[in-house]
N, C-alpha and C. Protein backbone atom coordinates (compact mmCIF):
# COMPACT_ATOMS: atom_id res chain seq x y z
N UNK A 1 -14.23 -6.02 23.79
CA UNK A 1 -13.26 -5.43 22.87
C UNK A 1 -13.41 -3.91 22.87
N UNK A 2 -12.31 -3.22 22.65
CA UNK A 2 -12.30 -1.76 22.62
C UNK A 2 -12.77 -1.28 21.24
N UNK A 3 -14.07 -0.99 21.13
CA UNK A 3 -14.63 -0.62 19.83
C UNK A 3 -14.16 0.75 19.37
N UNK A 4 -13.85 1.62 20.32
CA UNK A 4 -13.34 2.94 19.94
C UNK A 4 -11.98 2.81 19.26
N UNK A 5 -11.13 1.96 19.82
CA UNK A 5 -9.81 1.73 19.23
C UNK A 5 -9.96 1.04 17.88
N UNK A 6 -10.92 0.14 17.77
CA UNK A 6 -11.19 -0.51 16.48
C UNK A 6 -11.53 0.54 15.43
N UNK A 7 -12.43 1.47 15.79
CA UNK A 7 -12.83 2.52 14.86
C UNK A 7 -11.66 3.41 14.47
N UNK A 8 -10.83 3.76 15.44
CA UNK A 8 -9.68 4.62 15.17
C UNK A 8 -8.68 3.93 14.24
N UNK A 9 -8.39 2.66 14.52
CA UNK A 9 -7.42 1.94 13.70
C UNK A 9 -7.96 1.71 12.29
N UNK A 10 -9.26 1.39 12.19
CA UNK A 10 -9.85 1.14 10.87
C UNK A 10 -9.85 2.41 10.03
N UNK A 11 -10.33 3.50 10.60
CA UNK A 11 -10.41 4.76 9.85
C UNK A 11 -9.02 5.25 9.44
N UNK A 12 -8.07 5.17 10.37
CA UNK A 12 -6.71 5.63 10.07
C UNK A 12 -6.10 4.84 8.92
N UNK A 13 -6.17 3.51 9.01
CA UNK A 13 -5.60 2.67 7.97
C UNK A 13 -6.38 2.78 6.66
N UNK A 14 -7.69 2.98 6.75
CA UNK A 14 -8.51 3.13 5.54
C UNK A 14 -8.07 4.37 4.77
N UNK A 15 -7.83 5.46 5.50
CA UNK A 15 -7.40 6.70 4.85
C UNK A 15 -5.99 6.54 4.26
N UNK A 16 -5.09 5.90 5.01
CA UNK A 16 -3.72 5.75 4.54
C UNK A 16 -3.63 4.80 3.35
N UNK A 17 -4.29 3.63 3.44
CA UNK A 17 -4.19 2.61 2.40
C UNK A 17 -5.13 2.90 1.23
N UNK A 18 -6.18 3.68 1.46
CA UNK A 18 -7.05 4.23 0.42
C UNK A 18 -7.51 3.18 -0.60
N UNK A 19 -8.46 2.31 -0.21
CA UNK A 19 -8.94 1.26 -1.13
C UNK A 19 -9.47 1.81 -2.46
N UNK A 20 -10.23 2.89 -2.42
CA UNK A 20 -10.79 3.45 -3.66
C UNK A 20 -9.69 4.04 -4.54
N UNK A 21 -8.72 4.70 -3.92
CA UNK A 21 -7.63 5.28 -4.70
C UNK A 21 -6.70 4.23 -5.28
N UNK A 22 -6.75 3.03 -4.71
CA UNK A 22 -5.90 1.94 -5.21
C UNK A 22 -6.42 1.38 -6.53
N UNK A 23 -7.73 1.51 -6.78
CA UNK A 23 -8.34 0.90 -7.97
C UNK A 23 -7.68 1.34 -9.27
N UNK A 24 -7.51 2.66 -9.55
CA UNK A 24 -6.89 3.03 -10.82
C UNK A 24 -5.45 2.55 -10.95
N UNK A 25 -4.70 2.56 -9.85
CA UNK A 25 -3.33 2.06 -9.90
C UNK A 25 -3.32 0.56 -10.15
N UNK A 26 -4.24 -0.15 -9.51
CA UNK A 26 -4.36 -1.59 -9.71
C UNK A 26 -4.70 -1.89 -11.17
N UNK A 27 -5.62 -1.12 -11.75
CA UNK A 27 -5.98 -1.33 -13.15
C UNK A 27 -4.80 -1.04 -14.06
N UNK A 28 -4.03 -0.01 -13.73
CA UNK A 28 -2.87 0.32 -14.56
C UNK A 28 -1.82 -0.77 -14.55
N UNK A 29 -1.57 -1.34 -13.38
CA UNK A 29 -0.54 -2.37 -13.26
C UNK A 29 -0.99 -3.72 -13.80
N UNK A 30 -2.31 -3.93 -13.89
CA UNK A 30 -2.83 -5.22 -14.34
C UNK A 30 -3.63 -5.08 -15.64
N UNK A 31 -3.34 -4.04 -16.42
CA UNK A 31 -4.13 -3.77 -17.63
C UNK A 31 -4.05 -4.89 -18.66
N UNK A 32 -2.93 -5.64 -18.66
CA UNK A 32 -2.77 -6.73 -19.62
C UNK A 32 -3.22 -8.08 -19.06
N UNK A 33 -3.75 -8.09 -17.85
CA UNK A 33 -4.16 -9.33 -17.20
C UNK A 33 -5.55 -9.74 -17.65
N UNK A 34 -5.82 -11.04 -17.60
CA UNK A 34 -7.17 -11.53 -17.81
C UNK A 34 -7.96 -11.34 -16.52
N UNK A 35 -9.26 -11.60 -16.58
CA UNK A 35 -10.10 -11.43 -15.38
C UNK A 35 -9.64 -12.35 -14.25
N UNK A 36 -9.27 -13.58 -14.61
CA UNK A 36 -8.82 -14.55 -13.61
C UNK A 36 -7.49 -14.10 -13.00
N UNK A 37 -6.57 -13.63 -13.86
CA UNK A 37 -5.27 -13.18 -13.37
C UNK A 37 -5.41 -11.94 -12.49
N UNK A 38 -6.34 -11.06 -12.86
CA UNK A 38 -6.55 -9.85 -12.06
C UNK A 38 -7.12 -10.20 -10.68
N UNK A 39 -8.04 -11.17 -10.67
CA UNK A 39 -8.62 -11.61 -9.40
C UNK A 39 -7.55 -12.24 -8.52
N UNK A 40 -6.68 -13.04 -9.11
CA UNK A 40 -5.61 -13.68 -8.34
C UNK A 40 -4.62 -12.63 -7.84
N UNK A 41 -4.33 -11.62 -8.66
CA UNK A 41 -3.42 -10.56 -8.25
C UNK A 41 -3.99 -9.78 -7.06
N UNK A 42 -5.30 -9.54 -7.08
CA UNK A 42 -5.95 -8.82 -5.98
C UNK A 42 -5.81 -9.61 -4.68
N UNK A 43 -6.05 -10.92 -4.77
CA UNK A 43 -5.96 -11.76 -3.57
C UNK A 43 -4.53 -11.81 -3.05
N UNK A 44 -3.56 -11.98 -3.95
CA UNK A 44 -2.16 -12.06 -3.54
C UNK A 44 -1.68 -10.74 -2.94
N UNK A 45 -2.09 -9.62 -3.54
CA UNK A 45 -1.66 -8.31 -3.05
C UNK A 45 -2.15 -8.07 -1.63
N UNK A 46 -3.41 -8.42 -1.37
CA UNK A 46 -3.98 -8.22 -0.04
C UNK A 46 -3.30 -9.14 0.97
N UNK A 47 -3.04 -10.39 0.60
CA UNK A 47 -2.38 -11.31 1.52
C UNK A 47 -0.96 -10.87 1.83
N UNK A 48 -0.25 -10.38 0.81
CA UNK A 48 1.11 -9.88 1.03
C UNK A 48 1.09 -8.67 1.95
N UNK A 49 0.16 -7.74 1.68
CA UNK A 49 0.05 -6.54 2.51
C UNK A 49 -0.28 -6.91 3.96
N UNK A 50 -1.22 -7.83 4.13
CA UNK A 50 -1.61 -8.26 5.47
C UNK A 50 -0.43 -8.90 6.19
N UNK A 51 0.31 -9.74 5.48
CA UNK A 51 1.47 -10.39 6.08
C UNK A 51 2.53 -9.39 6.52
N UNK A 52 2.78 -8.39 5.68
CA UNK A 52 3.79 -7.37 6.02
C UNK A 52 3.33 -6.54 7.22
N UNK A 53 2.06 -6.13 7.21
CA UNK A 53 1.52 -5.33 8.31
C UNK A 53 1.59 -6.10 9.63
N UNK A 54 1.17 -7.36 9.60
CA UNK A 54 1.19 -8.18 10.82
C UNK A 54 2.62 -8.38 11.32
N UNK A 55 3.54 -8.64 10.38
CA UNK A 55 4.93 -8.86 10.76
C UNK A 55 5.52 -7.63 11.45
N UNK A 56 5.24 -6.46 10.89
CA UNK A 56 5.77 -5.24 11.49
C UNK A 56 5.03 -4.88 12.77
N UNK A 57 3.76 -5.25 12.85
CA UNK A 57 3.02 -4.98 14.08
C UNK A 57 3.60 -5.77 15.24
N UNK A 58 4.03 -6.99 14.96
CA UNK A 58 4.55 -7.86 16.02
C UNK A 58 6.04 -7.66 16.25
N UNK A 59 6.81 -7.58 15.15
CA UNK A 59 8.27 -7.54 15.28
C UNK A 59 8.89 -6.25 14.75
N UNK A 60 8.07 -5.30 14.30
CA UNK A 60 8.58 -4.13 13.59
C UNK A 60 9.66 -3.35 14.31
N UNK A 61 9.39 -2.94 15.53
CA UNK A 61 10.36 -2.12 16.25
C UNK A 61 11.65 -2.87 16.50
N UNK A 62 11.54 -4.16 16.80
CA UNK A 62 12.74 -4.96 17.04
C UNK A 62 13.57 -5.10 15.77
N UNK A 63 12.88 -5.28 14.62
CA UNK A 63 13.58 -5.41 13.34
C UNK A 63 14.33 -4.12 13.02
N UNK A 64 13.65 -2.98 13.17
CA UNK A 64 14.27 -1.69 12.86
C UNK A 64 15.43 -1.40 13.80
N UNK A 65 15.25 -1.72 15.08
CA UNK A 65 16.33 -1.48 16.05
C UNK A 65 17.53 -2.37 15.76
N UNK A 66 17.28 -3.62 15.40
CA UNK A 66 18.37 -4.55 15.12
C UNK A 66 19.19 -4.11 13.90
N UNK A 67 18.49 -3.61 12.87
CA UNK A 67 19.15 -3.18 11.64
C UNK A 67 19.59 -1.71 11.70
N UNK A 68 19.32 -1.05 12.84
CA UNK A 68 19.66 0.36 13.01
C UNK A 68 19.02 1.22 11.92
N UNK A 69 17.75 0.95 11.64
CA UNK A 69 17.00 1.70 10.63
C UNK A 69 15.96 2.57 11.34
N UNK A 70 15.94 3.83 10.98
CA UNK A 70 14.95 4.73 11.56
C UNK A 70 13.67 4.70 10.72
N UNK A 71 12.57 5.12 11.31
CA UNK A 71 11.31 5.17 10.58
C UNK A 71 11.37 6.12 9.38
N UNK A 72 12.02 7.29 9.49
CA UNK A 72 12.15 8.15 8.30
C UNK A 72 12.90 7.47 7.15
N UNK A 73 13.90 6.67 7.48
CA UNK A 73 14.65 5.96 6.43
C UNK A 73 13.74 4.96 5.70
N UNK A 74 12.92 4.26 6.48
CA UNK A 74 11.96 3.33 5.89
C UNK A 74 10.97 4.07 5.00
N UNK A 75 10.53 5.23 5.45
CA UNK A 75 9.58 6.03 4.70
C UNK A 75 10.19 6.53 3.40
N UNK A 76 11.44 6.99 3.44
CA UNK A 76 12.12 7.49 2.25
C UNK A 76 12.32 6.38 1.23
N UNK A 77 12.69 5.19 1.70
CA UNK A 77 12.90 4.06 0.80
C UNK A 77 11.60 3.69 0.09
N UNK A 78 10.50 3.65 0.84
CA UNK A 78 9.21 3.35 0.23
C UNK A 78 8.81 4.40 -0.78
N UNK A 79 9.09 5.67 -0.48
CA UNK A 79 8.76 6.75 -1.40
C UNK A 79 9.54 6.65 -2.70
N UNK A 80 10.83 6.34 -2.62
CA UNK A 80 11.65 6.22 -3.83
C UNK A 80 11.19 5.05 -4.70
N UNK A 81 10.83 3.94 -4.07
CA UNK A 81 10.35 2.78 -4.82
C UNK A 81 9.03 3.10 -5.52
N UNK A 82 8.13 3.79 -4.82
CA UNK A 82 6.86 4.18 -5.43
C UNK A 82 7.08 5.15 -6.59
N UNK A 83 8.08 6.01 -6.47
CA UNK A 83 8.36 6.98 -7.53
C UNK A 83 8.79 6.28 -8.81
N UNK A 84 9.59 5.23 -8.68
CA UNK A 84 10.01 4.46 -9.85
C UNK A 84 8.80 3.83 -10.56
N UNK A 85 7.87 3.28 -9.77
CA UNK A 85 6.67 2.68 -10.34
C UNK A 85 5.81 3.75 -10.99
N UNK A 86 5.71 4.91 -10.36
CA UNK A 86 4.89 6.00 -10.90
C UNK A 86 5.44 6.46 -12.25
N UNK A 87 6.76 6.53 -12.38
CA UNK A 87 7.36 6.94 -13.65
C UNK A 87 7.07 5.93 -14.75
N UNK A 88 7.02 4.65 -14.40
CA UNK A 88 6.67 3.63 -15.38
C UNK A 88 5.23 3.80 -15.85
N UNK A 89 4.33 4.10 -14.93
CA UNK A 89 2.93 4.30 -15.29
C UNK A 89 2.77 5.54 -16.16
N UNK A 90 3.53 6.59 -15.86
CA UNK A 90 3.41 7.84 -16.59
C UNK A 90 3.97 7.73 -18.01
N UNK A 91 5.08 7.03 -18.15
CA UNK A 91 5.74 6.94 -19.45
C UNK A 91 5.25 5.78 -20.29
N UNK A 92 4.51 4.86 -19.68
CA UNK A 92 4.02 3.71 -20.43
C UNK A 92 5.00 2.57 -20.51
N UNK A 93 6.17 2.71 -19.87
CA UNK A 93 7.16 1.64 -19.92
C UNK A 93 6.67 0.38 -19.23
N UNK A 94 5.71 0.56 -18.30
CA UNK A 94 5.17 -0.60 -17.62
C UNK A 94 4.35 -1.49 -18.53
N UNK A 95 3.99 -0.96 -19.75
CA UNK A 95 3.23 -1.75 -20.70
C UNK A 95 4.10 -2.66 -21.53
N UNK A 96 5.43 -2.44 -21.50
CA UNK A 96 6.33 -3.26 -22.29
C UNK A 96 6.48 -4.64 -21.66
N UNK A 97 6.41 -5.71 -22.49
CA UNK A 97 6.49 -7.07 -21.95
C UNK A 97 7.76 -7.32 -21.15
N UNK A 98 8.89 -6.71 -21.59
CA UNK A 98 10.16 -6.99 -20.91
C UNK A 98 10.18 -6.44 -19.51
N UNK A 99 9.34 -5.47 -19.22
CA UNK A 99 9.40 -4.83 -17.91
C UNK A 99 8.74 -5.66 -16.83
N UNK A 100 7.93 -6.65 -17.20
CA UNK A 100 7.21 -7.42 -16.20
C UNK A 100 7.60 -8.89 -16.18
N UNK A 101 8.61 -9.25 -16.97
CA UNK A 101 9.03 -10.64 -17.00
C UNK A 101 9.63 -11.03 -15.66
N UNK A 102 9.09 -12.08 -15.07
CA UNK A 102 9.60 -12.56 -13.79
C UNK A 102 9.22 -11.71 -12.60
N UNK A 103 8.35 -10.73 -12.82
CA UNK A 103 7.96 -9.84 -11.72
C UNK A 103 6.48 -10.05 -11.39
N UNK A 104 6.18 -10.30 -10.13
CA UNK A 104 4.80 -10.44 -9.69
C UNK A 104 4.36 -9.11 -9.10
N UNK A 105 3.60 -8.32 -9.90
CA UNK A 105 3.20 -6.98 -9.47
C UNK A 105 2.28 -7.04 -8.25
N UNK A 106 1.68 -8.20 -7.99
CA UNK A 106 0.82 -8.33 -6.82
C UNK A 106 1.64 -8.20 -5.54
N UNK A 107 2.90 -8.63 -5.60
CA UNK A 107 3.76 -8.54 -4.41
C UNK A 107 4.45 -7.19 -4.35
N UNK A 108 5.10 -6.80 -5.45
CA UNK A 108 5.77 -5.50 -5.56
C UNK A 108 5.39 -4.90 -6.90
N UNK A 109 4.77 -3.74 -6.97
CA UNK A 109 4.62 -2.78 -5.88
C UNK A 109 3.25 -2.78 -5.18
N UNK A 110 2.32 -3.67 -5.61
CA UNK A 110 0.98 -3.61 -5.04
C UNK A 110 0.95 -3.96 -3.55
N UNK A 111 1.39 -5.20 -3.23
CA UNK A 111 1.35 -5.63 -1.84
C UNK A 111 2.15 -4.72 -0.94
N UNK A 112 3.36 -4.43 -1.38
CA UNK A 112 4.23 -3.49 -0.69
C UNK A 112 5.15 -2.85 -1.72
N UNK A 113 5.35 -1.55 -1.74
CA UNK A 113 4.98 -0.61 -0.66
C UNK A 113 3.68 0.16 -0.90
N UNK A 114 2.89 -0.22 -1.94
CA UNK A 114 1.69 0.57 -2.21
C UNK A 114 0.63 0.39 -1.12
N UNK A 115 0.28 -0.86 -0.82
CA UNK A 115 -0.72 -1.11 0.22
C UNK A 115 -0.06 -1.08 1.60
N UNK A 116 0.88 -1.98 1.81
CA UNK A 116 1.60 -2.00 3.09
C UNK A 116 2.81 -1.10 3.00
N UNK A 117 2.56 0.20 2.94
CA UNK A 117 3.63 1.17 2.81
C UNK A 117 4.10 1.68 4.17
N UNK A 118 5.04 2.60 4.15
CA UNK A 118 5.58 3.14 5.41
C UNK A 118 4.50 3.73 6.30
N UNK A 119 3.54 4.44 5.71
CA UNK A 119 2.48 5.07 6.50
C UNK A 119 1.65 4.04 7.26
N UNK A 120 1.21 3.00 6.54
CA UNK A 120 0.40 1.96 7.17
C UNK A 120 1.20 1.18 8.21
N UNK A 121 2.46 0.92 7.90
CA UNK A 121 3.32 0.17 8.83
C UNK A 121 3.53 0.95 10.12
N UNK A 122 3.87 2.23 9.97
CA UNK A 122 4.13 3.05 11.14
C UNK A 122 2.86 3.22 11.98
N UNK A 123 1.72 3.46 11.30
CA UNK A 123 0.46 3.63 12.02
C UNK A 123 0.10 2.39 12.82
N UNK A 124 0.27 1.22 12.21
CA UNK A 124 -0.04 -0.03 12.90
C UNK A 124 0.89 -0.24 14.09
N UNK A 125 2.17 0.06 13.91
CA UNK A 125 3.13 -0.09 15.00
C UNK A 125 2.76 0.82 16.17
N UNK A 126 2.31 2.03 15.86
CA UNK A 126 1.92 2.98 16.92
C UNK A 126 0.70 2.46 17.68
N UNK A 127 -0.30 1.96 16.93
CA UNK A 127 -1.50 1.43 17.59
C UNK A 127 -1.15 0.25 18.50
N UNK A 128 -0.27 -0.62 18.05
CA UNK A 128 0.12 -1.78 18.85
C UNK A 128 0.86 -1.33 20.11
N UNK A 129 1.76 -0.36 19.95
CA UNK A 129 2.53 0.11 21.11
C UNK A 129 1.63 0.80 22.14
N UNK A 130 0.54 1.41 21.68
CA UNK A 130 -0.38 2.10 22.58
C UNK A 130 -1.40 1.16 23.21
N UNK A 131 -1.48 -0.07 22.68
CA UNK A 131 -2.47 -1.03 23.18
C UNK A 131 -2.03 -1.62 24.51
N UNK A 132 -3.03 -1.95 25.32
CA UNK A 132 -2.76 -2.53 26.65
C UNK A 132 -3.77 -3.64 26.93
N UNK A 133 -3.35 -4.86 26.74
CA UNK A 133 -4.23 -6.00 27.00
C UNK A 133 -4.87 -6.55 25.75
N UNK A 134 -5.51 -7.71 25.91
CA UNK A 134 -6.09 -8.42 24.77
C UNK A 134 -7.23 -7.65 24.13
N UNK A 135 -7.98 -6.87 24.91
CA UNK A 135 -9.10 -6.11 24.35
C UNK A 135 -8.61 -5.11 23.32
N UNK A 136 -7.53 -4.41 23.61
CA UNK A 136 -6.97 -3.43 22.68
C UNK A 136 -6.33 -4.12 21.49
N UNK A 137 -5.56 -5.17 21.76
CA UNK A 137 -4.89 -5.88 20.67
C UNK A 137 -5.91 -6.49 19.70
N UNK A 138 -7.00 -7.03 20.24
CA UNK A 138 -8.04 -7.59 19.39
C UNK A 138 -8.70 -6.51 18.52
N UNK A 139 -8.88 -5.34 19.10
CA UNK A 139 -9.49 -4.23 18.36
C UNK A 139 -8.61 -3.80 17.20
N UNK A 140 -7.31 -3.69 17.45
CA UNK A 140 -6.38 -3.30 16.39
C UNK A 140 -6.31 -4.37 15.30
N UNK A 141 -6.26 -5.65 15.73
CA UNK A 141 -6.20 -6.76 14.78
C UNK A 141 -7.44 -6.79 13.89
N UNK A 142 -8.61 -6.58 14.49
CA UNK A 142 -9.85 -6.59 13.73
C UNK A 142 -9.92 -5.39 12.78
N UNK A 143 -9.40 -4.25 13.23
CA UNK A 143 -9.36 -3.07 12.37
C UNK A 143 -8.48 -3.29 11.15
N UNK A 144 -7.32 -3.89 11.36
CA UNK A 144 -6.40 -4.19 10.26
C UNK A 144 -7.05 -5.17 9.28
N UNK A 145 -7.69 -6.21 9.82
CA UNK A 145 -8.34 -7.21 8.97
C UNK A 145 -9.48 -6.59 8.16
N UNK A 146 -10.27 -5.74 8.79
CA UNK A 146 -11.40 -5.11 8.11
C UNK A 146 -10.95 -4.24 6.95
N UNK A 147 -9.86 -3.50 7.13
CA UNK A 147 -9.33 -2.67 6.06
C UNK A 147 -8.86 -3.52 4.89
N UNK A 148 -8.23 -4.65 5.17
CA UNK A 148 -7.74 -5.51 4.10
C UNK A 148 -8.88 -6.18 3.35
N UNK A 149 -9.97 -6.49 4.03
CA UNK A 149 -11.15 -7.01 3.34
C UNK A 149 -11.70 -5.95 2.39
N UNK A 150 -11.72 -4.70 2.84
CA UNK A 150 -12.18 -3.60 2.00
C UNK A 150 -11.28 -3.43 0.78
N UNK A 151 -9.98 -3.55 0.99
CA UNK A 151 -9.03 -3.46 -0.12
C UNK A 151 -9.27 -4.56 -1.14
N UNK A 152 -9.50 -5.77 -0.65
CA UNK A 152 -9.74 -6.89 -1.56
C UNK A 152 -11.01 -6.68 -2.38
N UNK A 153 -12.06 -6.21 -1.74
CA UNK A 153 -13.31 -5.96 -2.45
C UNK A 153 -13.12 -4.90 -3.54
N UNK A 154 -12.36 -3.84 -3.21
CA UNK A 154 -12.13 -2.76 -4.17
C UNK A 154 -11.39 -3.27 -5.40
N UNK A 155 -10.36 -4.08 -5.19
CA UNK A 155 -9.57 -4.59 -6.32
C UNK A 155 -10.26 -5.76 -7.01
N UNK A 156 -11.00 -6.54 -6.24
CA UNK A 156 -11.69 -7.70 -6.82
C UNK A 156 -12.69 -7.27 -7.89
N UNK A 157 -13.37 -6.15 -7.65
CA UNK A 157 -14.37 -5.68 -8.60
C UNK A 157 -13.85 -4.55 -9.48
N UNK A 158 -12.53 -4.38 -9.51
CA UNK A 158 -11.93 -3.39 -10.41
C UNK A 158 -12.15 -3.78 -11.87
N UNK A 159 -12.35 -5.09 -12.11
CA UNK A 159 -12.62 -5.55 -13.47
C UNK A 159 -13.88 -4.94 -14.05
N UNK A 160 -14.87 -4.70 -13.21
CA UNK A 160 -16.10 -4.05 -13.68
C UNK A 160 -15.80 -2.64 -14.17
N UNK A 161 -14.91 -1.97 -13.45
CA UNK A 161 -14.50 -0.63 -13.87
C UNK A 161 -13.79 -0.70 -15.21
N UNK A 162 -12.98 -1.74 -15.40
CA UNK A 162 -12.25 -1.93 -16.66
C UNK A 162 -13.22 -2.10 -17.83
N UNK A 163 -14.28 -2.87 -17.61
CA UNK A 163 -15.25 -3.10 -18.67
C UNK A 163 -15.98 -1.81 -19.05
N UNK A 164 -16.26 -1.00 -18.03
CA UNK A 164 -16.97 0.26 -18.28
C UNK A 164 -16.08 1.26 -19.02
N UNK A 165 -14.83 1.36 -18.61
CA UNK A 165 -13.93 2.36 -19.19
C UNK A 165 -13.38 1.95 -20.55
N UNK A 166 -13.15 0.66 -20.74
CA UNK A 166 -12.52 0.21 -21.98
C UNK A 166 -11.01 0.43 -21.92
N UNK A 167 -10.31 0.00 -22.99
CA UNK A 167 -8.85 0.11 -23.00
C UNK A 167 -8.37 1.55 -22.97
N UNK A 168 -9.03 2.42 -23.74
CA UNK A 168 -8.62 3.83 -23.78
C UNK A 168 -8.84 4.50 -22.42
N UNK A 169 -9.95 4.18 -21.80
CA UNK A 169 -10.24 4.75 -20.49
C UNK A 169 -9.24 4.29 -19.45
N UNK A 170 -8.88 3.00 -19.51
CA UNK A 170 -7.90 2.46 -18.57
C UNK A 170 -6.54 3.12 -18.78
N UNK A 171 -6.18 3.39 -20.05
CA UNK A 171 -4.91 4.07 -20.34
C UNK A 171 -4.90 5.47 -19.72
N UNK A 172 -6.03 6.17 -19.86
CA UNK A 172 -6.13 7.50 -19.25
C UNK A 172 -6.03 7.42 -17.73
N UNK A 173 -6.74 6.47 -17.15
CA UNK A 173 -6.70 6.29 -15.70
C UNK A 173 -5.29 5.93 -15.25
N UNK A 174 -4.58 5.14 -16.04
CA UNK A 174 -3.21 4.74 -15.70
C UNK A 174 -2.30 5.94 -15.61
N UNK A 175 -2.43 6.86 -16.59
CA UNK A 175 -1.58 8.06 -16.59
C UNK A 175 -1.91 8.95 -15.38
N UNK A 176 -3.19 9.10 -15.09
CA UNK A 176 -3.60 9.90 -13.93
C UNK A 176 -3.11 9.25 -12.65
N UNK A 177 -3.23 7.91 -12.58
CA UNK A 177 -2.76 7.19 -11.40
C UNK A 177 -1.26 7.37 -11.21
N UNK A 178 -0.52 7.35 -12.32
CA UNK A 178 0.92 7.57 -12.25
C UNK A 178 1.26 8.93 -11.69
N UNK A 179 0.49 9.94 -12.11
CA UNK A 179 0.71 11.30 -11.60
C UNK A 179 0.43 11.37 -10.09
N UNK A 180 -0.70 10.77 -9.68
CA UNK A 180 -1.06 10.77 -8.26
C UNK A 180 -0.05 9.99 -7.43
N UNK A 181 0.37 8.85 -7.96
CA UNK A 181 1.33 8.01 -7.23
C UNK A 181 2.67 8.71 -7.09
N UNK A 182 3.07 9.46 -8.12
CA UNK A 182 4.33 10.21 -8.03
C UNK A 182 4.24 11.29 -6.96
N UNK A 183 3.06 11.92 -6.85
CA UNK A 183 2.88 12.94 -5.81
C UNK A 183 2.95 12.31 -4.42
N UNK A 184 2.33 11.13 -4.27
CA UNK A 184 2.39 10.42 -2.99
C UNK A 184 3.84 10.07 -2.65
N UNK A 185 4.59 9.61 -3.65
CA UNK A 185 5.98 9.21 -3.43
C UNK A 185 6.82 10.41 -3.01
N UNK A 186 6.65 11.54 -3.70
CA UNK A 186 7.42 12.74 -3.35
C UNK A 186 7.08 13.22 -1.95
N UNK A 187 5.79 13.13 -1.59
CA UNK A 187 5.37 13.54 -0.24
C UNK A 187 6.01 12.66 0.82
N UNK A 188 6.09 11.35 0.55
CA UNK A 188 6.74 10.43 1.50
C UNK A 188 8.20 10.80 1.71
N UNK A 189 8.90 11.07 0.60
CA UNK A 189 10.31 11.43 0.70
C UNK A 189 10.47 12.77 1.43
N UNK A 190 9.59 13.73 1.10
CA UNK A 190 9.67 15.06 1.74
C UNK A 190 9.43 14.93 3.25
N UNK A 191 8.45 14.13 3.64
CA UNK A 191 8.19 13.93 5.07
C UNK A 191 9.37 13.27 5.76
N UNK A 192 10.00 12.33 5.05
CA UNK A 192 11.17 11.64 5.62
C UNK A 192 12.32 12.62 5.82
N UNK A 193 12.56 13.49 4.82
CA UNK A 193 13.64 14.48 4.93
C UNK A 193 13.36 15.45 6.08
N UNK A 194 12.08 15.87 6.20
CA UNK A 194 11.71 16.76 7.29
C UNK A 194 11.97 16.11 8.66
N UNK A 195 11.65 14.82 8.75
CA UNK A 195 11.89 14.10 10.00
C UNK A 195 13.38 14.00 10.31
N UNK A 196 14.19 13.75 9.27
CA UNK A 196 15.64 13.70 9.47
C UNK A 196 16.16 15.02 10.00
N UNK A 197 15.69 16.12 9.39
CA UNK A 197 16.15 17.45 9.79
C UNK A 197 15.77 17.76 11.23
N UNK A 198 14.51 17.44 11.58
CA UNK A 198 14.03 17.71 12.93
C UNK A 198 14.77 16.88 13.96
N UNK A 199 15.09 15.63 13.59
CA UNK A 199 15.81 14.75 14.53
C UNK A 199 17.24 15.22 14.75
N UNK A 200 17.84 15.83 13.71
CA UNK A 200 19.21 16.29 13.81
C UNK A 200 19.30 17.63 14.52
N UNK A 201 18.17 18.38 14.47
CA UNK A 201 18.18 19.72 15.07
C UNK A 201 18.24 19.66 16.60
């Protein structure tokens, strides 16, 4: 197996998906959950993210070509969706019972686009396109799997952080997470606009 490619794919996806940075956002979105519900949400979010990443790794370019969607368009859409979630975290509207009725936060926005966002999708697609043979493909697959295991561990033990911080601490972390998430969302949209401009130039 190509261990260098494994290291490159793991480090790249680790930085993009940011398991440690996901913890405060995860706590904010699951602040009203019990320990069991939070554990189940962590597992579902990672499985959804893994499924999306694998699907785009295998069929991504064909899907985008068929729908005539460019990568910047996908990036902008993910950024706008994250911005909506960030505003809910900042204003506290996400704490209202009516806002989460019938919505599984483990799938949206945790699984996608927070974990399996445009950055992670594009990076994985690039690694797959650059791979040549089973040794490279195995390295990329193992790198993707390793990052998702790290994500699961980070969210699985986020409950310990909740116990240490308490409700007031989690509320503070939620507001900070909302601010950070809004910055990430704006950056995604800005990068997408820049790509559109460069492509048109």
